[in-house]
């Protein structure tokens, strides 16, 4: 990964974040993808102009188990562009516990 600064102004900057799966123009908004029940299709999200999405690592693990590690998030979602995952900490706060260990949650927190 690399980050190229294109413009700066005070504490703000515009740039390009290069990932293995593509380039993210910053600042960037990431539409949230529910890996179990997606209301808006990924092709529609791409058509709107988003090049990247975010999804929940805990929901992926809970509903797809080891398949996530076997095939990968990109194949599972059928999306070849950048995907960011969150750790699922919100579910921990909501439900009081989750069925994954902290190392499992935090190992999935990477931008690909």
C-alpha atoms as a PDB file:
ATOM      1  CA  UNK A   1       0.000   0.000   0.000  1.00  0.00           C
ATOM      2  CA  UNK A   2       1.071   3.550  -0.594  1.00  0.00           C
ATOM      3  CA  UNK A   3      -0.483   6.975  -0.197  1.00  0.00           C
ATOM      4  CA  UNK A   4       0.201   9.795  -2.641  1.00  0.00           C
ATOM      5  CA  UNK A   5      -0.711  13.329  -1.559  1.00  0.00           C
ATOM      6  CA  UNK A   6      -2.178  15.308  -4.455  1.00  0.00           C
ATOM      7  CA  UNK A   7      -3.221  18.519  -2.667  1.00  0.00           C
ATOM      8  CA  UNK A   8      -2.796  19.960   0.844  1.00  0.00           C
ATOM      9  CA  UNK A   9      -4.550  22.707   2.756  1.00  0.00           C
ATOM     10  CA  UNK A  10      -3.881  23.213   6.468  1.00  0.00           C
ATOM     11  CA  UNK A  11      -4.538  19.819   8.096  1.00  0.00           C
ATOM     12  CA  UNK A  12      -6.507  18.414   5.151  1.00  0.00           C
ATOM     13  CA  UNK A  13      -5.242  16.590   2.120  1.00  0.00           C
ATOM     14  CA  UNK A  14      -6.483  14.953  -1.041  1.00  0.00           C
ATOM     15  CA  UNK A  15      -4.720  11.862  -2.181  1.00  0.00           C
ATOM     16  CA  UNK A  16      -4.641   8.388  -3.642  1.00  0.00           C
ATOM     17  CA  UNK A  17      -4.391   5.297  -1.500  1.00  0.00           C
ATOM     18  CA  UNK A  18      -3.079   2.386  -3.561  1.00  0.00           C
ATOM     19  CA  UNK A  19      -4.124  -1.065  -2.355  1.00  0.00           C
ATOM     20  CA  UNK A  20      -3.732  -4.548  -3.837  1.00  0.00           C
ATOM     21  CA  UNK A  21      -7.327  -4.304  -5.058  1.00  0.00           C
ATOM     22  CA  UNK A  22      -7.314  -0.811  -6.507  1.00  0.00           C
ATOM     23  CA  UNK A  23      -6.979   2.887  -5.857  1.00  0.00           C
ATOM     24  CA  UNK A  24      -9.064   4.824  -3.349  1.00  0.00           C
ATOM     25  CA  UNK A  25      -9.339   8.563  -3.912  1.00  0.00           C
ATOM     26  CA  UNK A  26      -9.380  10.386  -0.575  1.00  0.00           C
ATOM     27  CA  UNK A  27     -11.321  11.661   1.165  1.00  0.00           C
ATOM     28  CA  UNK A  28     -13.561   8.660   0.521  1.00  0.00           C
ATOM     29  CA  UNK A  29     -16.947   7.391   1.593  1.00  0.00           C
ATOM     30  CA  UNK A  30     -17.371   3.641   1.968  1.00  0.00           C
ATOM     31  CA  UNK A  31     -20.888   2.273   1.447  1.00  0.00           C
ATOM     32  CA  UNK A  32     -21.699  -0.369   4.067  1.00  0.00           C
ATOM     33  CA  UNK A  33     -22.270  -3.854   2.679  1.00  0.00           C
ATOM     34  CA  UNK A  34     -24.293  -6.323   4.702  1.00  0.00           C
ATOM     35  CA  UNK A  35     -22.749  -9.652   3.652  1.00  0.00           C
ATOM     36  CA  UNK A  36     -25.980 -11.491   4.486  1.00  0.00           C
ATOM     37  CA  UNK A  37     -28.693  -9.200   3.119  1.00  0.00           C
ATOM     38  CA  UNK A  38     -27.568  -6.608   0.592  1.00  0.00           C
ATOM     39  CA  UNK A  39     -30.342  -4.144  -0.239  1.00  0.00           C
ATOM     40  CA  UNK A  40     -28.528  -2.292  -3.034  1.00  0.00           C
ATOM     41  CA  UNK A  41     -26.534  -4.461  -5.429  1.00  0.00           C
ATOM     42  CA  UNK A  42     -22.785  -4.011  -5.697  1.00  0.00           C
ATOM     43  CA  UNK A  43     -23.159  -3.262  -9.400  1.00  0.00           C
ATOM     44  CA  UNK A  44     -25.512  -0.392  -8.509  1.00  0.00           C
ATOM     45  CA  UNK A  45     -23.032   0.855  -5.893  1.00  0.00           C
ATOM     46  CA  UNK A  46     -20.303   0.805  -8.530  1.00  0.00           C
ATOM     47  CA  UNK A  47     -22.621   2.549 -10.993  1.00  0.00           C
ATOM     48  CA  UNK A  48     -23.241   5.345  -8.501  1.00  0.00           C
ATOM     49  CA  UNK A  49     -19.485   5.930  -8.472  1.00  0.00           C
ATOM     50  CA  UNK A  50     -18.166   4.151  -5.407  1.00  0.00           C
ATOM     51  CA  UNK A  51     -14.948   2.222  -5.929  1.00  0.00           C
ATOM     52  CA  UNK A  52     -14.757   0.792  -2.404  1.00  0.00           C
ATOM     53  CA  UNK A  53     -17.036  -0.744   0.239  1.00  0.00           C
ATOM     54  CA  UNK A  54     -16.918  -1.653   3.927  1.00  0.00           C
ATOM     55  CA  UNK A  55     -18.371  -4.766   5.515  1.00  0.00           C
ATOM     56  CA  UNK A  56     -18.470  -6.393   8.926  1.00  0.00           C
ATOM     57  CA  UNK A  57     -15.918  -9.121   9.723  1.00  0.00           C
ATOM     58  CA  UNK A  58     -18.048 -10.560  12.513  1.00  0.00           C
ATOM     59  CA  UNK A  59     -21.101 -11.003  10.284  1.00  0.00           C
ATOM     60  CA  UNK A  60     -18.931 -12.631   7.633  1.00  0.00           C
ATOM     61  CA  UNK A  61     -17.513 -15.079  10.168  1.00  0.00           C
ATOM     62  CA  UNK A  62     -20.876 -15.757  11.803  1.00  0.00           C
ATOM     63  CA  UNK A  63     -22.739 -16.495   8.574  1.00  0.00           C
ATOM     64  CA  UNK A  64     -20.016 -17.973   6.373  1.00  0.00           C
ATOM     65  CA  UNK A  65     -17.594 -19.496   8.887  1.00  0.00           C
ATOM     66  CA  UNK A  66     -14.308 -20.741   7.478  1.00  0.00           C
ATOM     67  CA  UNK A  67     -15.488 -20.142   3.911  1.00  0.00           C
ATOM     68  CA  UNK A  68     -14.401 -16.524   4.370  1.00  0.00           C
ATOM     69  CA  UNK A  69     -10.781 -17.587   4.901  1.00  0.00           C
ATOM     70  CA  UNK A  70     -10.950 -20.282   2.219  1.00  0.00           C
ATOM     71  CA  UNK A  71     -12.232 -18.160  -0.665  1.00  0.00           C
ATOM     72  CA  UNK A  72     -11.632 -14.642   0.658  1.00  0.00           C
ATOM     73  CA  UNK A  73     -13.919 -11.684   1.144  1.00  0.00           C
ATOM     74  CA  UNK A  74     -13.550 -10.478  -2.448  1.00  0.00           C
ATOM     75  CA  UNK A  75     -14.787 -13.743  -3.953  1.00  0.00           C
ATOM     76  CA  UNK A  76     -17.488 -14.117  -1.342  1.00  0.00           C
ATOM     77  CA  UNK A  77     -18.897 -10.673  -2.146  1.00  0.00           C
ATOM     78  CA  UNK A  78     -18.025 -10.911  -5.855  1.00  0.00           C
ATOM     79  CA  UNK A  79     -16.222  -7.548  -5.693  1.00  0.00           C
ATOM     80  CA  UNK A  80     -12.709  -7.067  -7.076  1.00  0.00           C
ATOM     81  CA  UNK A  81     -12.218  -3.549  -5.763  1.00  0.00           C
ATOM     82  CA  UNK A  82     -11.045  -2.367  -2.314  1.00  0.00           C
ATOM     83  CA  UNK A  83     -12.936  -3.741   0.696  1.00  0.00           C
ATOM     84  CA  UNK A  84     -12.477  -2.558   4.260  1.00  0.00           C
ATOM     85  CA  UNK A  85     -13.724  -4.672   7.145  1.00  0.00           C
ATOM     86  CA  UNK A  86     -14.479  -3.556  10.646  1.00  0.00           C
ATOM     87  CA  UNK A  87     -13.858  -5.732  13.670  1.00  0.00           C
ATOM     88  CA  UNK A  88     -17.430  -6.345  14.741  1.00  0.00           C
ATOM     89  CA  UNK A  89     -16.964  -4.450  18.015  1.00  0.00           C
ATOM     90  CA  UNK A  90     -20.429  -2.918  17.616  1.00  0.00           C
ATOM     91  CA  UNK A  91     -21.941  -6.406  17.823  1.00  0.00           C
ATOM     92  CA  UNK A  92     -19.934  -7.020  20.979  1.00  0.00           C
ATOM     93  CA  UNK A  93     -21.439  -3.899  22.527  1.00  0.00           C
ATOM     94  CA  UNK A  94     -24.950  -4.771  21.346  1.00  0.00           C
ATOM     95  CA  UNK A  95     -25.042  -8.446  22.272  1.00  0.00           C
ATOM     96  CA  UNK A  96     -22.501  -8.597  25.110  1.00  0.00           C
ATOM     97  CA  UNK A  97     -20.455 -11.320  23.446  1.00  0.00           C
ATOM     98  CA  UNK A  98     -19.451 -12.597  20.040  1.00  0.00           C
ATOM     99  CA  UNK A  99     -18.418 -16.072  18.942  1.00  0.00           C
ATOM    100  CA  UNK A 100     -14.906 -15.085  17.823  1.00  0.00           C
ATOM    101  CA  UNK A 101     -11.739 -14.357  19.737  1.00  0.00           C
ATOM    102  CA  UNK A 102     -10.073 -10.924  19.762  1.00  0.00           C
ATOM    103  CA  UNK A 103      -7.196 -12.149  17.539  1.00  0.00           C
ATOM    104  CA  UNK A 104      -9.735 -13.358  14.946  1.00  0.00           C
ATOM    105  CA  UNK A 105     -11.573 -10.025  14.989  1.00  0.00           C
ATOM    106  CA  UNK A 106      -8.482  -7.882  14.721  1.00  0.00           C
ATOM    107  CA  UNK A 107      -6.697 -10.032  12.138  1.00  0.00           C
ATOM    108  CA  UNK A 108      -9.496  -9.215   9.702  1.00  0.00           C
ATOM    109  CA  UNK A 109      -9.091  -5.463  10.057  1.00  0.00           C
ATOM    110  CA  UNK A 110      -7.149  -4.684   6.945  1.00  0.00           C
ATOM    111  CA  UNK A 111      -7.809  -2.821   3.760  1.00  0.00           C
ATOM    112  CA  UNK A 112      -7.355  -4.989   0.695  1.00  0.00           C
END
